[in-house]
Protein backbone atom coordinates (compact mmCIF):
# COMPACT_ATOMS: atom_id res chain seq x y z
CA UNK A 1 0.00 0.00 0.00
CA UNK A 2 1.32 3.41 -0.96
CA UNK A 3 1.81 6.00 1.78
CA UNK A 4 0.92 9.66 1.36
CA UNK A 5 4.62 10.53 1.12
CA UNK A 6 5.18 7.97 -1.64
CA UNK A 7 2.15 9.32 -3.48
CA UNK A 8 3.47 12.88 -3.20
CA UNK A 9 6.90 11.85 -4.46
CA UNK A 10 5.30 10.15 -7.45
CA UNK A 11 3.08 13.11 -8.39
CA UNK A 12 3.83 16.59 -7.13
CA UNK A 13 0.51 17.87 -8.47
CA UNK A 14 -1.85 14.89 -8.20
CA UNK A 15 -5.07 16.92 -8.54
CA UNK A 16 -4.06 18.94 -11.62
CA UNK A 17 -5.24 17.60 -14.97
CA UNK A 18 -3.01 18.54 -17.90
CA UNK A 19 -3.62 18.64 -21.64
CA UNK A 20 -0.39 18.53 -23.66
CA UNK A 21 -0.66 19.28 -27.39
CA UNK A 22 2.42 18.81 -29.59
CA UNK A 23 2.70 17.53 -33.15
CA UNK A 24 6.44 16.78 -33.19
CA UNK A 25 6.88 13.22 -31.90
CA UNK A 26 10.37 13.57 -30.36
CA UNK A 27 9.49 16.76 -28.45
CA UNK A 28 6.16 15.30 -27.34
CA UNK A 29 7.74 12.13 -25.96
CA UNK A 30 10.52 14.00 -24.12
CA UNK A 31 8.24 16.44 -22.31
CA UNK A 32 5.60 13.78 -21.72
CA UNK A 33 8.10 11.78 -19.63
CA UNK A 34 8.62 14.83 -17.39
CA UNK A 35 4.90 15.65 -17.16
CA UNK A 36 3.99 12.08 -16.21
CA UNK A 37 6.37 12.30 -13.23
CA UNK A 38 4.73 15.48 -11.95
CA UNK A 39 1.05 15.09 -12.81
CA UNK A 40 -1.18 12.09 -12.28
CA UNK A 41 -3.45 12.91 -15.23
CA UNK A 42 -1.92 13.99 -18.57
CA UNK A 43 -3.94 13.86 -21.79
CA UNK A 44 -1.94 14.10 -25.03
CA UNK A 45 -3.00 15.33 -28.46
CA UNK A 46 -1.02 15.55 -31.70
CA UNK A 47 -2.76 18.65 -33.10
CA UNK A 48 -5.16 21.44 -32.19
CA UNK A 49 -8.26 19.58 -33.42
CA UNK A 50 -7.57 16.61 -31.16
CA UNK A 51 -6.54 18.95 -28.35
CA UNK A 52 -9.83 20.83 -28.57
CA UNK A 53 -11.79 17.56 -28.47
CA UNK A 54 -9.81 16.33 -25.45
CA UNK A 55 -10.34 19.66 -23.70
CA UNK A 56 -14.10 19.34 -24.14
CA UNK A 57 -14.02 15.75 -22.89
CA UNK A 58 -11.73 16.12 -19.85
CA UNK A 59 -11.78 19.83 -18.88
CA UNK A 60 -8.10 19.96 -17.83
CA UNK A 61 -6.77 22.59 -15.43
CA UNK A 62 -3.64 23.34 -17.48
CA UNK A 63 -2.98 23.35 -21.23
CA UNK A 64 0.53 23.12 -22.65
CA UNK A 65 0.46 23.63 -26.42
CA UNK A 66 2.81 24.17 -29.33
CA UNK A 67 2.07 27.24 -31.45
CA UNK A 68 2.51 25.71 -34.90
CA UNK A 69 0.86 22.38 -35.66
CA UNK A 70 -0.88 20.64 -38.52
CA UNK A 71 -4.67 20.81 -38.68
CA UNK A 72 -5.32 23.51 -36.09
CA UNK A 73 -2.47 25.52 -34.54
CA UNK A 74 -2.08 26.02 -30.82
CA UNK A 75 -3.17 29.65 -30.78
CA UNK A 76 -6.36 28.88 -32.71
CA UNK A 77 -7.10 25.96 -30.37
CA UNK A 78 -6.55 28.15 -27.30
CA UNK A 79 -8.82 30.84 -28.74
CA UNK A 80 -11.62 28.26 -29.17
CA UNK A 81 -11.03 26.87 -25.66
CA UNK A 82 -11.08 30.38 -24.16
CA UNK A 83 -14.63 30.77 -25.50
CA UNK A 84 -15.57 27.79 -23.30
CA UNK A 85 -13.41 28.73 -20.29
CA UNK A 86 -11.54 32.03 -20.24
CA UNK A 87 -9.77 31.18 -16.97
CA UNK A 88 -8.00 27.95 -17.95
CA UNK A 89 -4.23 28.20 -17.47
CA UNK A 90 -2.14 27.99 -20.66
CA UNK A 91 1.55 27.53 -21.42
CA UNK A 92 2.54 28.03 -25.06
CA UNK A 93 5.65 26.36 -26.46
CA UNK A 94 7.52 26.50 -29.74
CA UNK A 95 10.40 24.64 -31.31
CA UNK A 96 11.13 27.51 -33.72
CA UNK A 97 14.81 27.93 -34.51
CA UNK A 98 16.19 31.25 -35.77
CA UNK A 99 19.30 29.60 -37.27
C-alpha atoms as a PDB file:
ATOM      1  CA  UNK A   1       0.000   0.000   0.000  1.00  0.00           C
ATOM      2  CA  UNK A   2       1.317   3.414  -0.964  1.00  0.00           C
ATOM      3  CA  UNK A   3       1.813   5.998   1.784  1.00  0.00           C
ATOM      4  CA  UNK A   4       0.917   9.661   1.365  1.00  0.00           C
ATOM      5  CA  UNK A   5       4.618  10.531   1.120  1.00  0.00           C
ATOM      6  CA  UNK A   6       5.182   7.970  -1.645  1.00  0.00           C
ATOM      7  CA  UNK A   7       2.148   9.321  -3.483  1.00  0.00           C
ATOM      8  CA  UNK A   8       3.467  12.881  -3.200  1.00  0.00           C
ATOM      9  CA  UNK A   9       6.898  11.848  -4.456  1.00  0.00           C
ATOM     10  CA  UNK A  10       5.298  10.146  -7.449  1.00  0.00           C
ATOM     11  CA  UNK A  11       3.083  13.108  -8.394  1.00  0.00           C
ATOM     12  CA  UNK A  12       3.834  16.593  -7.127  1.00  0.00           C
ATOM     13  CA  UNK A  13       0.507  17.866  -8.466  1.00  0.00           C
ATOM     14  CA  UNK A  14      -1.851  14.892  -8.196  1.00  0.00           C
ATOM     15  CA  UNK A  15      -5.070  16.915  -8.544  1.00  0.00           C
ATOM     16  CA  UNK A  16      -4.061  18.942 -11.617  1.00  0.00           C
ATOM     17  CA  UNK A  17      -5.244  17.601 -14.969  1.00  0.00           C
ATOM     18  CA  UNK A  18      -3.006  18.537 -17.900  1.00  0.00           C
ATOM     19  CA  UNK A  19      -3.621  18.644 -21.643  1.00  0.00           C
ATOM     20  CA  UNK A  20      -0.391  18.527 -23.660  1.00  0.00           C
ATOM     21  CA  UNK A  21      -0.656  19.284 -27.388  1.00  0.00           C
ATOM     22  CA  UNK A  22       2.425  18.809 -29.588  1.00  0.00           C
ATOM     23  CA  UNK A  23       2.702  17.527 -33.151  1.00  0.00           C
ATOM     24  CA  UNK A  24       6.440  16.783 -33.190  1.00  0.00           C
ATOM     25  CA  UNK A  25       6.880  13.225 -31.895  1.00  0.00           C
ATOM     26  CA  UNK A  26      10.371  13.572 -30.357  1.00  0.00           C
ATOM     27  CA  UNK A  27       9.495  16.764 -28.454  1.00  0.00           C
ATOM     28  CA  UNK A  28       6.164  15.296 -27.345  1.00  0.00           C
ATOM     29  CA  UNK A  29       7.742  12.129 -25.955  1.00  0.00           C
ATOM     30  CA  UNK A  30      10.520  14.003 -24.122  1.00  0.00           C
ATOM     31  CA  UNK A  31       8.238  16.442 -22.312  1.00  0.00           C
ATOM     32  CA  UNK A  32       5.600  13.782 -21.716  1.00  0.00           C
ATOM     33  CA  UNK A  33       8.096  11.782 -19.628  1.00  0.00           C
ATOM     34  CA  UNK A  34       8.617  14.829 -17.393  1.00  0.00           C
ATOM     35  CA  UNK A  35       4.901  15.645 -17.157  1.00  0.00           C
ATOM     36  CA  UNK A  36       3.994  12.079 -16.208  1.00  0.00           C
ATOM     37  CA  UNK A  37       6.369  12.298 -13.234  1.00  0.00           C
ATOM     38  CA  UNK A  38       4.728  15.482 -11.946  1.00  0.00           C
ATOM     39  CA  UNK A  39       1.054  15.094 -12.811  1.00  0.00           C
ATOM     40  CA  UNK A  40      -1.180  12.088 -12.278  1.00  0.00           C
ATOM     41  CA  UNK A  41      -3.455  12.909 -15.231  1.00  0.00           C
ATOM     42  CA  UNK A  42      -1.923  13.990 -18.566  1.00  0.00           C
ATOM     43  CA  UNK A  43      -3.941  13.857 -21.792  1.00  0.00           C
ATOM     44  CA  UNK A  44      -1.942  14.098 -25.026  1.00  0.00           C
ATOM     45  CA  UNK A  45      -2.998  15.334 -28.463  1.00  0.00           C
ATOM     46  CA  UNK A  46      -1.016  15.549 -31.703  1.00  0.00           C
ATOM     47  CA  UNK A  47      -2.758  18.649 -33.100  1.00  0.00           C
ATOM     48  CA  UNK A  48      -5.156  21.437 -32.190  1.00  0.00           C
ATOM     49  CA  UNK A  49      -8.257  19.583 -33.423  1.00  0.00           C
ATOM     50  CA  UNK A  50      -7.569  16.614 -31.165  1.00  0.00           C
ATOM     51  CA  UNK A  51      -6.537  18.954 -28.346  1.00  0.00           C
ATOM     52  CA  UNK A  52      -9.828  20.833 -28.571  1.00  0.00           C
ATOM     53  CA  UNK A  53     -11.786  17.563 -28.473  1.00  0.00           C
ATOM     54  CA  UNK A  54      -9.813  16.327 -25.452  1.00  0.00           C
ATOM     55  CA  UNK A  55     -10.344  19.661 -23.698  1.00  0.00           C
ATOM     56  CA  UNK A  56     -14.103  19.343 -24.144  1.00  0.00           C
ATOM     57  CA  UNK A  57     -14.024  15.748 -22.895  1.00  0.00           C
ATOM     58  CA  UNK A  58     -11.728  16.116 -19.851  1.00  0.00           C
ATOM     59  CA  UNK A  59     -11.785  19.828 -18.882  1.00  0.00           C
ATOM     60  CA  UNK A  60      -8.103  19.957 -17.827  1.00  0.00           C
ATOM     61  CA  UNK A  61      -6.767  22.593 -15.433  1.00  0.00           C
ATOM     62  CA  UNK A  62      -3.641  23.344 -17.481  1.00  0.00           C
ATOM     63  CA  UNK A  63      -2.978  23.347 -21.229  1.00  0.00           C
ATOM     64  CA  UNK A  64       0.535  23.116 -22.652  1.00  0.00           C
ATOM     65  CA  UNK A  65       0.462  23.631 -26.420  1.00  0.00           C
ATOM     66  CA  UNK A  66       2.807  24.173 -29.326  1.00  0.00           C
ATOM     67  CA  UNK A  67       2.074  27.242 -31.449  1.00  0.00           C
ATOM     68  CA  UNK A  68       2.506  25.712 -34.905  1.00  0.00           C
ATOM     69  CA  UNK A  69       0.862  22.381 -35.655  1.00  0.00           C
ATOM     70  CA  UNK A  70      -0.877  20.641 -38.518  1.00  0.00           C
ATOM     71  CA  UNK A  71      -4.674  20.811 -38.684  1.00  0.00           C
ATOM     72  CA  UNK A  72      -5.323  23.515 -36.086  1.00  0.00           C
ATOM     73  CA  UNK A  73      -2.468  25.521 -34.541  1.00  0.00           C
ATOM     74  CA  UNK A  74      -2.076  26.020 -30.818  1.00  0.00           C
ATOM     75  CA  UNK A  75      -3.174  29.653 -30.780  1.00  0.00           C
ATOM     76  CA  UNK A  76      -6.355  28.883 -32.709  1.00  0.00           C
ATOM     77  CA  UNK A  77      -7.098  25.961 -30.370  1.00  0.00           C
ATOM     78  CA  UNK A  78      -6.552  28.154 -27.302  1.00  0.00           C
ATOM     79  CA  UNK A  79      -8.818  30.837 -28.744  1.00  0.00           C
ATOM     80  CA  UNK A  80     -11.616  28.260 -29.167  1.00  0.00           C
ATOM     81  CA  UNK A  81     -11.028  26.870 -25.662  1.00  0.00           C
ATOM     82  CA  UNK A  82     -11.079  30.379 -24.156  1.00  0.00           C
ATOM     83  CA  UNK A  83     -14.626  30.766 -25.496  1.00  0.00           C
ATOM     84  CA  UNK A  84     -15.573  27.792 -23.295  1.00  0.00           C
ATOM     85  CA  UNK A  85     -13.409  28.730 -20.294  1.00  0.00           C
ATOM     86  CA  UNK A  86     -11.540  32.027 -20.243  1.00  0.00           C
ATOM     87  CA  UNK A  87      -9.773  31.183 -16.967  1.00  0.00           C
ATOM     88  CA  UNK A  88      -8.001  27.945 -17.948  1.00  0.00           C
ATOM     89  CA  UNK A  89      -4.230  28.196 -17.472  1.00  0.00           C
ATOM     90  CA  UNK A  90      -2.145  27.986 -20.665  1.00  0.00           C
ATOM     91  CA  UNK A  91       1.547  27.528 -21.417  1.00  0.00           C
ATOM     92  CA  UNK A  92       2.538  28.033 -25.059  1.00  0.00           C
ATOM     93  CA  UNK A  93       5.647  26.364 -26.463  1.00  0.00           C
ATOM     94  CA  UNK A  94       7.519  26.503 -29.741  1.00  0.00           C
ATOM     95  CA  UNK A  95      10.402  24.639 -31.309  1.00  0.00           C
ATOM     96  CA  UNK A  96      11.131  27.511 -33.720  1.00  0.00           C
ATOM     97  CA  UNK A  97      14.809  27.934 -34.507  1.00  0.00           C
ATOM     98  CA  UNK A  98      16.188  31.247 -35.774  1.00  0.00           C
ATOM     99  CA  UNK A  99      19.299  29.597 -37.270  1.00  0.00           C
END
